[in-house]
Amino acid sequence: MTEFQITHEIHQAHPDIREKLTATTIEAINQSSARSAEDAARILRHKLGEIGVQMSEPACLAAIERIRSGKQLRFEVEPAPDEDN
C-alpha cells in the first residue's frame, strides 16, 4: 500500500492537515478527471502547494494513479527524520 507520510511536527502545528490533504486531493481529482495522469498530477501538486504542502511530481503521479485504479490513499503521520544523523 502506498502511504504519504506527514511528520509529527506538521501534524502538531496543523492538526487538520490530514483532512485538508484529503479534501484538496479529492478536489484536484475531480477537476482533472478528463485529463491525463501527468496533467492531473500537476494539478494535484499545484492544489497542495496552495495549502502549503510540497509533494514531488512522482509522488503526486503515484497518488493519482492509485486513486484512479480504485485504491485508497492514506496520509500517515510519522516522526520527522533525525537531522543530526
C-alpha atoms as a PDB file:
ATOM      1  CA  MET A   1       0.000   0.000   0.000  1.00  0.00           C
ATOM      2  CA  THR A   2       1.274   3.451  -0.844  1.00  0.00           C
ATOM      3  CA  GLU A   3       1.171   5.841   2.076  1.00  0.00           C
ATOM      4  CA  PHE A   4       2.039   9.505   2.061  1.00  0.00           C
ATOM      5  CA  GLN A   5       3.673  10.422   5.323  1.00  0.00           C
ATOM      6  CA  ILE A   6       3.273  13.601   7.337  1.00  0.00           C
ATOM      7  CA  THR A   7       5.725  14.449  10.097  1.00  0.00           C
ATOM      8  CA  HIS A   8       4.513  14.884  13.660  1.00  0.00           C
ATOM      9  CA  GLU A   9       5.733  18.481  13.620  1.00  0.00           C
ATOM     10  CA  ILE A  10       3.405  19.397  10.752  1.00  0.00           C
ATOM     11  CA  HIS A  11       0.553  17.466  12.313  1.00  0.00           C
ATOM     12  CA  GLN A  12       1.011  19.242  15.668  1.00  0.00           C
ATOM     13  CA  ALA A  13       1.062  22.677  14.019  1.00  0.00           C
ATOM     14  CA  HIS A  14      -1.853  21.808  11.718  1.00  0.00           C
ATOM     15  CA  PRO A  15      -3.959  19.048  13.329  1.00  0.00           C
ATOM     16  CA  ASP A  16      -6.452  19.216  10.459  1.00  0.00           C
ATOM     17  CA  ILE A  17      -3.761  18.671   7.800  1.00  0.00           C
ATOM     18  CA  ARG A  18      -4.937  15.136   7.026  1.00  0.00           C
ATOM     19  CA  GLU A  19      -8.454  16.398   6.328  1.00  0.00           C
ATOM     20  CA  LYS A  20      -7.103  19.282   4.221  1.00  0.00           C
ATOM     21  CA  LEU A  21      -4.922  16.889   2.240  1.00  0.00           C
ATOM     22  CA  THR A  22      -7.850  14.574   1.607  1.00  0.00           C
ATOM     23  CA  ALA A  23     -10.223  17.383   0.594  1.00  0.00           C
ATOM     24  CA  THR A  24      -7.602  19.011  -1.637  1.00  0.00           C
ATOM     25  CA  THR A  25      -6.742  15.699  -3.280  1.00  0.00           C
ATOM     26  CA  ILE A  26     -10.420  14.973  -3.986  1.00  0.00           C
ATOM     27  CA  GLU A  27     -10.874  18.483  -5.417  1.00  0.00           C
ATOM     28  CA  ALA A  28      -7.855  18.046  -7.701  1.00  0.00           C
ATOM     29  CA  ILE A  29      -9.043  14.608  -8.840  1.00  0.00           C
ATOM     30  CA  ASN A  30     -12.493  15.984  -9.645  1.00  0.00           C
ATOM     31  CA  GLN A  31     -11.047  18.915 -11.601  1.00  0.00           C
ATOM     32  CA  SER A  32      -8.740  16.677 -13.598  1.00  0.00           C
ATOM     33  CA  SER A  33     -10.894  13.616 -14.229  1.00  0.00           C
ATOM     34  CA  ALA A  34     -10.782  14.008 -18.030  1.00  0.00           C
ATOM     35  CA  ARG A  35      -7.044  14.760 -18.136  1.00  0.00           C
ATOM     36  CA  SER A  36      -4.008  12.537 -18.413  1.00  0.00           C
ATOM     37  CA  ALA A  37      -2.478  11.221 -15.201  1.00  0.00           C
ATOM     38  CA  GLU A  38       0.510  13.536 -15.683  1.00  0.00           C
ATOM     39  CA  ASP A  39      -1.724  16.608 -16.048  1.00  0.00           C
ATOM     40  CA  ALA A  40      -3.770  15.511 -13.042  1.00  0.00           C
ATOM     41  CA  ALA A  41      -0.558  15.119 -11.016  1.00  0.00           C
ATOM     42  CA  ARG A  42       0.450  18.684 -11.879  1.00  0.00           C
ATOM     43  CA  ILE A  43      -2.978  19.948 -10.805  1.00  0.00           C
ATOM     44  CA  LEU A  44      -2.711  17.995  -7.554  1.00  0.00           C
ATOM     45  CA  ARG A  45       0.781  19.369  -6.900  1.00  0.00           C
ATOM     46  CA  HIS A  46      -0.453  22.926  -7.508  1.00  0.00           C
ATOM     47  CA  LYS A  47      -3.509  22.452  -5.263  1.00  0.00           C
ATOM     48  CA  LEU A  48      -1.367  21.018  -2.475  1.00  0.00           C
ATOM     49  CA  GLY A  49       1.009  23.964  -2.814  1.00  0.00           C
ATOM     50  CA  GLU A  50      -1.958  26.279  -2.215  1.00  0.00           C
ATOM     51  CA  ILE A  51      -2.371  24.777   1.264  1.00  0.00           C
ATOM     52  CA  GLY A  52       1.360  24.854   1.973  1.00  0.00           C
ATOM     53  CA  VAL A  53       2.152  21.208   1.234  1.00  0.00           C
ATOM     54  CA  GLN A  54       5.029  20.363  -1.089  1.00  0.00           C
ATOM     55  CA  MET A  55       4.891  16.989  -2.788  1.00  0.00           C
ATOM     56  CA  SER A  56       7.093  15.789  -5.636  1.00  0.00           C
ATOM     57  CA  GLU A  57       5.644  15.225  -9.094  1.00  0.00           C
ATOM     58  CA  PRO A  58       6.364  11.455  -8.897  1.00  0.00           C
ATOM     59  CA  ALA A  59       4.508  11.260  -5.568  1.00  0.00           C
ATOM     60  CA  CYS A  60       1.562  13.203  -6.999  1.00  0.00           C
ATOM     61  CA  LEU A  61       1.511  10.934 -10.042  1.00  0.00           C
ATOM     62  CA  ALA A  62       1.554   7.864  -7.777  1.00  0.00           C
ATOM     63  CA  ALA A  63      -1.367   9.310  -5.795  1.00  0.00           C
ATOM     64  CA  ILE A  64      -3.370   9.992  -8.963  1.00  0.00           C
ATOM     65  CA  GLU A  65      -2.700   6.532 -10.373  1.00  0.00           C
ATOM     66  CA  ARG A  66      -3.612   4.900  -7.077  1.00  0.00           C
ATOM     67  CA  ILE A  67      -6.908   6.752  -6.805  1.00  0.00           C
ATOM     68  CA  ARG A  68      -7.792   6.185 -10.456  1.00  0.00           C
ATOM     69  CA  SER A  69      -7.200   2.460 -10.031  1.00  0.00           C
ATOM     70  CA  GLY A  70      -9.780   2.398  -7.243  1.00  0.00           C
ATOM     71  CA  LYS A  71      -7.345   2.026  -4.364  1.00  0.00           C
ATOM     72  CA  GLN A  72      -7.366   4.033  -1.167  1.00  0.00           C
ATOM     73  CA  LEU A  73      -4.911   6.790  -0.466  1.00  0.00           C
ATOM     74  CA  ARG A  74      -3.835   7.240   3.138  1.00  0.00           C
ATOM     75  CA  PHE A  75      -1.856  10.030   4.692  1.00  0.00           C
ATOM     76  CA  GLU A  76       0.177   8.705   7.628  1.00  0.00           C
ATOM     77  CA  VAL A  77       1.705  10.758  10.424  1.00  0.00           C
ATOM     78  CA  GLU A  78       5.306   9.849  11.211  1.00  0.00           C
ATOM     79  CA  PRO A  79       8.160  11.363  13.231  1.00  0.00           C
ATOM     80  CA  ALA A  80      10.399  13.782  11.369  1.00  0.00           C
ATOM     81  CA  PRO A  81      13.704  12.244  10.315  1.00  0.00           C
ATOM     82  CA  ASP A  82      16.510  12.970  12.735  1.00  0.00           C
ATOM     83  CA  GLU A  83      18.527  15.681  11.009  1.00  0.00           C
ATOM     84  CA  ASP A  84      21.589  15.069  13.223  1.00  0.00           C
ATOM     85  CA  ASN A  85      22.346  11.751  11.506  1.00  0.00           C
END
